[in-house]
C-alpha atoms as a PDB file:
ATOM      1  CA  MET A   1      52.563 300.130 134.172  1.00  0.00           C
ATOM      2  CA  LEU A   2      52.763 299.406 130.151  1.00  0.00           C
ATOM      3  CA  LEU A   3      54.332 295.801 131.214  1.00  0.00           C
ATOM      4  CA  LEU A   4      51.524 295.227 133.864  1.00  0.00           C
ATOM      5  CA  LYS A   5      48.953 295.693 131.554  1.00  0.00           C
ATOM      6  CA  LEU A   6      50.439 293.445 128.366  1.00  0.00           C
ATOM      7  CA  ALA A   7      50.812 290.893 130.340  1.00  0.00           C
ATOM      8  CA  TYR A   8      47.581 291.025 132.124  1.00  0.00           C
ATOM      9  CA  ARG A   9      45.976 290.442 128.327  1.00  0.00           C
ATOM     10  CA  TYR A  10      48.901 287.828 127.501  1.00  0.00           C
ATOM     11  CA  LEU A  11      46.968 285.827 130.949  1.00  0.00           C
ATOM     12  CA  LEU A  12      43.371 286.530 129.470  1.00  0.00           C
ATOM     13  CA  ILE A  13      44.991 285.504 125.862  1.00  0.00           C
ATOM     14  CA  ILE A  14      46.511 282.418 127.476  1.00  0.00           C
ATOM     15  CA  SER A  15      43.347 281.441 129.500  1.00  0.00           C
ATOM     16  CA  VAL A  16      41.393 281.779 126.729  1.00  0.00           C
ATOM     17  CA  CYS A  17      42.757 279.682 124.265  1.00  0.00           C
ATOM     18  CA  SER A  18      43.087 277.010 126.905  1.00  0.00           C
ATOM     19  CA  VAL A  19      39.678 276.081 126.918  1.00  0.00           C
ATOM     20  CA  LEU A  20      40.942 274.452 122.707  1.00  0.00           C
ATOM     21  CA  SER A  21      42.082 271.079 123.271  1.00  0.00           C
ATOM     22  CA  GLY A  22      45.461 270.489 121.854  1.00  0.00           C
ATOM     23  CA  CYS A  23      46.428 274.707 121.251  1.00  0.00           C
ATOM     24  CA  SER A  24      49.446 275.298 120.839  1.00  0.00           C
ATOM     25  CA  LEU A  25      51.568 278.605 119.674  1.00  0.00           C
ATOM     26  CA  LEU A  26      50.479 278.322 116.494  1.00  0.00           C
ATOM     27  CA  LEU A  27      46.761 279.666 117.018  1.00  0.00           C
ATOM     28  CA  LYS A  28      46.505 282.053 114.416  1.00  0.00           C
ATOM     29  CA  ASN A  29      47.481 279.030 112.428  1.00  0.00           C
ATOM     30  CA  ASN A  30      46.028 275.733 113.721  1.00  0.00           C
ATOM     31  CA  TYR A  31      42.392 277.705 114.529  1.00  0.00           C
ATOM     32  CA  GLY A  32      41.965 281.349 113.574  1.00  0.00           C
ATOM     33  CA  TYR A  33      42.396 283.503 116.631  1.00  0.00           C
ATOM     34  CA  ASN A  34      41.665 286.593 116.239  1.00  0.00           C
ATOM     35  CA  GLU A  35      42.628 288.744 119.315  1.00  0.00           C
ATOM     36  CA  LEU A  36      39.362 290.790 119.395  1.00  0.00           C
ATOM     37  CA  SER A  37      39.650 295.086 120.568  1.00  0.00           C
ATOM     38  CA  ASP A  38      36.221 295.710 120.236  1.00  0.00           C
ATOM     39  CA  TYR A  39      33.356 294.619 117.998  1.00  0.00           C
ATOM     40  CA  ASN A  40      34.145 294.967 114.016  1.00  0.00           C
ATOM     41  CA  GLU A  41      30.978 294.806 111.818  1.00  0.00           C
ATOM     42  CA  SER A  42      32.691 294.690 108.608  1.00  0.00           C
ATOM     43  CA  GLU A  43      34.309 291.235 109.884  1.00  0.00           C
ATOM     44  CA  TYR A  44      31.063 290.022 111.317  1.00  0.00           C
ATOM     45  CA  GLU A  45      29.071 290.959 108.146  1.00  0.00           C
ATOM     46  CA  GLU A  46      32.754 288.717 106.172  1.00  0.00           C
ATOM     47  CA  PHE A  47      32.335 285.510 108.614  1.00  0.00           C
ATOM     48  CA  ILE A  48      27.589 285.621 108.176  1.00  0.00           C
ATOM     49  CA  SER A  49      28.698 285.552 104.041  1.00  0.00           C
ATOM     50  CA  ALA A  50      30.585 282.519 103.937  1.00  0.00           C
ATOM     51  CA  PHE A  51      27.155 280.629 104.879  1.00  0.00           C
ATOM     52  CA  ASP A  52      23.976 280.014 103.234  1.00  0.00           C
ATOM     53  CA  PRO A  53      21.976 283.027 104.556  1.00  0.00           C
ATOM     54  CA  THR A  54      18.815 280.384 103.495  1.00  0.00           C
ATOM     55  CA  ASP A  55      20.666 278.205 106.519  1.00  0.00           C
ATOM     56  CA  ILE A  56      20.441 279.877 109.042  1.00  0.00           C
ATOM     57  CA  LYS A  57      19.721 282.679 111.180  1.00  0.00           C
ATOM     58  CA  HIS A  58      21.829 285.043 113.033  1.00  0.00           C
ATOM     59  CA  PHE A  59      22.151 288.171 115.373  1.00  0.00           C
ATOM     60  CA  LYS A  60      24.633 289.672 117.736  1.00  0.00           C
ATOM     61  CA  SER A  61      23.965 289.303 121.992  1.00  0.00           C
ATOM     62  CA  SER A  62      25.907 292.754 124.302  1.00  0.00           C
ATOM     63  CA  ASP A  63      27.531 292.219 126.840  1.00  0.00           C
ATOM     64  CA  TYR A  64      24.711 292.239 129.209  1.00  0.00           C
ATOM     65  CA  GLN A  65      23.063 289.817 127.538  1.00  0.00           C
ATOM     66  CA  TYR A  66      25.846 287.023 127.682  1.00  0.00           C
ATOM     67  CA  LYS A  67      26.796 287.510 131.362  1.00  0.00           C
ATOM     68  CA  GLN A  68      22.860 286.815 131.864  1.00  0.00           C
ATOM     69  CA  PHE A  69      23.577 283.122 129.802  1.00  0.00           C
ATOM     70  CA  ILE A  70      26.068 282.734 131.483  1.00  0.00           C
ATOM     71  CA  GLU A  71      24.027 282.745 134.897  1.00  0.00           C
ATOM     72  CA  LEU A  72      21.891 280.294 133.634  1.00  0.00           C
ATOM     73  CA  GLY A  73      24.333 277.098 134.735  1.00  0.00           C
ATOM     74  CA  SER A  74      22.852 275.288 137.011  1.00  0.00           C
ATOM     75  CA  ASP A  75      26.456 275.320 139.603  1.00  0.00           C
ATOM     76  CA  SER A  76      29.477 276.715 139.107  1.00  0.00           C
ATOM     77  CA  ALA A  77      30.810 273.821 136.070  1.00  0.00           C
ATOM     78  CA  ARG A  78      27.478 274.567 133.873  1.00  0.00           C
ATOM     79  CA  LYS A  79      28.491 278.273 134.277  1.00  0.00           C
ATOM     80  CA  LYS A  80      32.318 277.656 133.067  1.00  0.00           C
ATOM     81  CA  ASP A  81      30.321 275.543 129.960  1.00  0.00           C
ATOM     82  CA  LEU A  82      28.642 277.922 129.188  1.00  0.00           C
ATOM     83  CA  ASN A  83      31.100 281.155 129.760  1.00  0.00           C
ATOM     84  CA  GLN A  84      32.937 278.871 126.394  1.00  0.00           C
ATOM     85  CA  PRO A  85      33.743 280.907 123.642  1.00  0.00           C
ATOM     86  CA  VAL A  86      32.269 278.552 120.678  1.00  0.00           C
ATOM     87  CA  GLN A  87      28.730 276.385 122.223  1.00  0.00           C
ATOM     88  CA  ILE A  88      26.486 274.276 120.567  1.00  0.00           C
ATOM     89  CA  LEU A  89      23.215 273.563 121.599  1.00  0.00           C
ATOM     90  CA  TYR A  90      20.347 271.504 120.095  1.00  0.00           C
ATOM     91  CA  PHE A  91      17.041 271.333 121.321  1.00  0.00           C
ATOM     92  CA  ASN A  92      13.929 269.867 121.007  1.00  0.00           C
ATOM     93  CA  ASP A  93      11.054 272.115 121.155  1.00  0.00           C
ATOM     94  CA  SER A  94      12.314 273.646 124.652  1.00  0.00           C
ATOM     95  CA  ILE A  95      14.650 270.890 125.669  1.00  0.00           C
ATOM     96  CA  LEU A  96      18.302 270.401 125.668  1.00  0.00           C
ATOM     97  CA  LEU A  97      18.915 266.972 123.969  1.00  0.00           C
ATOM     98  CA  SER A  98      22.617 267.542 122.772  1.00  0.00           C
ATOM     99  CA  TYR A  99      25.386 270.084 124.289  1.00  0.00           C
ATOM    100  CA  HIS A 100      29.185 270.326 122.770  1.00  0.00           C
ATOM    101  CA  ALA A 101      31.466 272.705 123.799  1.00  0.00           C
ATOM    102  CA  ASN A 102      35.492 273.873 122.398  1.00  0.00           C
ATOM    103  CA  CYS A 103      36.770 272.371 125.718  1.00  0.00           C
ATOM    104  CA  TYR A 104      34.886 269.188 124.833  1.00  0.00           C
ATOM    105  CA  ALA A 105      35.870 268.814 120.993  1.00  0.00           C
ATOM    106  CA  LYS A 106      38.831 267.075 120.271  1.00  0.00           C
ATOM    107  CA  GLY A 107      42.590 269.039 119.576  1.00  0.00           C
ATOM    108  CA  THR A 108      43.936 268.354 116.096  1.00  0.00           C
ATOM    109  CA  LEU A 109      47.025 269.963 114.339  1.00  0.00           C
ATOM    110  CA  SER A 110      44.531 271.923 111.682  1.00  0.00           C
ATOM    111  CA  GLY A 111      41.241 272.720 114.457  1.00  0.00           C
ATOM    112  CA  LEU A 112      39.116 271.350 116.248  1.00  0.00           C
ATOM    113  CA  ASP A 113      37.339 267.929 115.707  1.00  0.00           C
ATOM    114  CA  TRP A 114      33.649 268.433 116.428  1.00  0.00           C
ATOM    115  CA  ASN A 115      32.986 265.136 114.943  1.00  0.00           C
ATOM    116  CA  TYR A 116      35.468 263.065 117.973  1.00  0.00           C
ATOM    117  CA  GLU A 117      33.396 259.686 119.561  1.00  0.00           C
ATOM    118  CA  ASN A 118      31.829 260.380 115.916  1.00  0.00           C
ATOM    119  CA  ARG A 119      29.098 262.218 117.563  1.00  0.00           C
ATOM    120  CA  PHE A 120      28.168 264.076 114.542  1.00  0.00           C
ATOM    121  CA  ASP A 121      27.043 261.407 112.593  1.00  0.00           C
ATOM    122  CA  GLN A 122      23.151 261.213 114.021  1.00  0.00           C
ATOM    123  CA  PHE A 123      20.087 263.331 114.607  1.00  0.00           C
ATOM    124  CA  PRO A 124      20.489 265.247 116.828  1.00  0.00           C
ATOM    125  CA  PRO A 125      23.815 264.306 117.595  1.00  0.00           C
ATOM    126  CA  ALA A 126      25.785 262.660 120.601  1.00  0.00           C
ATOM    127  CA  SER A 127      26.118 265.267 123.839  1.00  0.00           C
ATOM    128  CA  ALA A 128      29.757 265.429 124.571  1.00  0.00           C
ATOM    129  CA  ILE A 129      28.099 265.577 128.325  1.00  0.00           C
ATOM    130  CA  GLU A 130      24.652 264.608 129.718  1.00  0.00           C
ATOM    131  CA  SER A 131      22.428 267.784 128.867  1.00  0.00           C
ATOM    132  CA  SER A 132      20.714 266.811 131.495  1.00  0.00           C
ATOM    133  CA  LEU A 133      23.209 268.021 133.913  1.00  0.00           C
ATOM    134  CA  PHE A 134      22.554 271.970 132.396  1.00  0.00           C
ATOM    135  CA  ASP A 135      18.713 271.561 133.765  1.00  0.00           C
ATOM    136  CA  LEU A 136      18.898 274.271 131.218  1.00  0.00           C
ATOM    137  CA  SER A 137      14.996 275.106 128.498  1.00  0.00           C
ATOM    138  CA  LEU A 138      15.649 277.069 125.324  1.00  0.00           C
ATOM    139  CA  LEU A 139      12.002 278.975 127.200  1.00  0.00           C
ATOM    140  CA  GLU A 140      15.328 280.818 129.500  1.00  0.00           C
ATOM    141  CA  ILE A 141      17.226 281.758 126.714  1.00  0.00           C
ATOM    142  CA  THR A 142      14.762 283.218 125.111  1.00  0.00           C
ATOM    143  CA  ASN A 143      13.839 285.707 128.148  1.00  0.00           C
ATOM    144  CA  ILE A 144      17.010 287.002 127.558  1.00  0.00           C
ATOM    145  CA  TYR A 145      17.585 286.971 123.405  1.00  0.00           C
ATOM    146  CA  ASP A 146      14.053 287.924 122.633  1.00  0.00           C
ATOM    147  CA  ARG A 147      15.180 287.860 118.480  1.00  0.00           C
ATOM    148  CA  ILE A 148      14.967 283.568 119.430  1.00  0.00           C
ATOM    149  CA  THR A 149      11.048 283.012 118.237  1.00  0.00           C
ATOM    150  CA  PRO A 150      12.046 278.835 117.074  1.00  0.00           C
ATOM    151  CA  THR A 151       9.107 277.586 114.492  1.00  0.00           C
ATOM    152  CA  LYS A 152      10.381 274.027 114.321  1.00  0.00           C
ATOM    153  CA  LYS A 153      10.652 271.018 115.745  1.00  0.00           C
ATOM    154  CA  TYR A 154      14.859 271.864 116.399  1.00  0.00           C
ATOM    155  CA  THR A 155      16.616 274.257 117.025  1.00  0.00           C
ATOM    156  CA  VAL A 156      19.752 274.679 117.583  1.00  0.00           C
ATOM    157  CA  LEU A 157      22.051 277.722 118.584  1.00  0.00           C
ATOM    158  CA  VAL A 158      25.174 278.308 118.128  1.00  0.00           C
ATOM    159  CA  PHE A 159      27.184 280.784 120.257  1.00  0.00           C
ATOM    160  CA  TRP A 160      30.635 282.313 118.053  1.00  0.00           C
ATOM    161  CA  SER A 161      33.272 284.880 118.298  1.00  0.00           C
ATOM    162  CA  TRP A 162      35.533 286.261 115.519  1.00  0.00           C
ATOM    163  CA  MET A 163      38.364 285.851 118.438  1.00  0.00           C
ATOM    164  CA  LEU A 164      37.831 282.158 117.531  1.00  0.00           C
ATOM    165  CA  GLU A 165      37.273 282.664 113.248  1.00  0.00           C
ATOM    166  CA  GLY A 166      38.454 278.667 113.021  1.00  0.00           C
ATOM    167  CA  VAL A 167      36.604 277.210 115.547  1.00  0.00           C
ATOM    168  CA  SER A 168      33.637 278.733 115.092  1.00  0.00           C
ATOM    169  CA  LYS A 169      33.752 278.304 111.563  1.00  0.00           C
ATOM    170  CA  ASP A 170      34.406 274.592 111.473  1.00  0.00           C
ATOM    171  CA  ALA A 171      31.400 273.770 115.030  1.00  0.00           C
ATOM    172  CA  ILE A 172      28.784 276.006 112.030  1.00  0.00           C
ATOM    173  CA  SER A 173      29.766 274.036 109.563  1.00  0.00           C
ATOM    174  CA  SER A 174      29.488 270.578 111.924  1.00  0.00           C
ATOM    175  CA  VAL A 175      26.002 271.509 112.662  1.00  0.00           C
ATOM    176  CA  LEU A 176      24.789 272.201 108.901  1.00  0.00           C
ATOM    177  CA  ASP A 177      26.503 269.159 107.681  1.00  0.00           C
ATOM    178  CA  ASN A 178      25.055 266.968 110.334  1.00  0.00           C
ATOM    179  CA  ARG A 179      21.775 268.392 109.220  1.00  0.00           C
ATOM    180  CA  ILE A 180      22.634 267.379 105.891  1.00  0.00           C
ATOM    181  CA  LYS A 181      23.195 264.361 106.131  1.00  0.00           C
ATOM    182  CA  ASN A 182      20.514 263.419 107.753  1.00  0.00           C
ATOM    183  CA  GLY A 183      17.666 264.962 106.048  1.00  0.00           C
ATOM    184  CA  SER A 184      16.587 266.827 108.977  1.00  0.00           C
ATOM    185  CA  ASN A 185      17.251 270.462 106.716  1.00  0.00           C
ATOM    186  CA  GLU A 186      13.005 271.085 107.186  1.00  0.00           C
ATOM    187  CA  ASN A 187      12.302 270.320 111.051  1.00  0.00           C
ATOM    188  CA  CYS A 188      15.572 271.903 112.297  1.00  0.00           C
ATOM    189  CA  GLU A 189      16.010 276.218 112.522  1.00  0.00           C
ATOM    190  CA  VAL A 190      20.058 276.986 113.485  1.00  0.00           C
ATOM    191  CA  ILE A 191      20.513 280.093 114.772  1.00  0.00           C
ATOM    192  CA  LEU A 192      23.964 281.750 115.084  1.00  0.00           C
ATOM    193  CA  ILE A 193      24.641 284.368 117.857  1.00  0.00           C
ATOM    194  CA  ASN A 194      27.936 286.494 118.069  1.00  0.00           C
ATOM    195  CA  THR A 195      29.622 286.959 121.408  1.00  0.00           C
ATOM    196  CA  ASP A 196      32.138 289.161 120.301  1.00  0.00           C
ATOM    197  CA  ALA A 197      30.983 292.433 122.489  1.00  0.00           C
ATOM    198  CA  TYR A 198      31.395 289.668 125.646  1.00  0.00           C
ATOM    199  CA  TRP A 199      35.107 289.012 124.357  1.00  0.00           C
ATOM    200  CA  SER A 200      36.268 292.517 123.479  1.00  0.00           C
ATOM    201  CA  GLU A 201      35.281 293.774 127.334  1.00  0.00           C
ATOM    202  CA  LYS A 202      37.110 291.017 128.300  1.00  0.00           C
ATOM    203  CA  PHE A 203      40.544 292.352 127.047  1.00  0.00           C
ATOM    204  CA  LYS A 204      39.189 295.499 127.615  1.00  0.00           C
ATOM    205  CA  GLU A 205      39.578 294.994 131.411  1.00  0.00           C
ATOM    206  CA  ASN A 206      43.051 293.457 130.662  1.00  0.00           C
END
């Protein structure tokens, strides 16, 4: 029974990591992979402290909330996208303009290149896939997460997990650098949403 449980856990880790382009056996060193056993407040605070608190807002998603978010996908392919560990969504008012996820970034020996095909050389970044495929509005998401209260023209949501610590940090840094380089600080709000509760439940199930 123990061996069976370990096998299931191994398969879960592989399935999570398979969404990364170019993943390898050196996940910890190359992608900052951490196995989640439960939500850890100190790990969350340490992660957030790496960023200027004046640049971001942040909060934690419950397992139930994130499952609701995934169900906003317009079809099975989009639900799979919304179930990726690290995602970036750019909204103009309530309209989704640009979508990015770990599975659409370029894998390298040191992590993921979020600027693959020079997507982040402009503001908002060029979408990794056609954003209209999602049929997703910011209003639908605020119905799930009432802590999202847009105050600027552009709202950027970054879904992240300590499970993919390195990938998450690179994604957030890409968003913040893109905003600064394009002079969009004044009209763009960045909100980080942690999904460790969801992913830790996945590990518990296996």
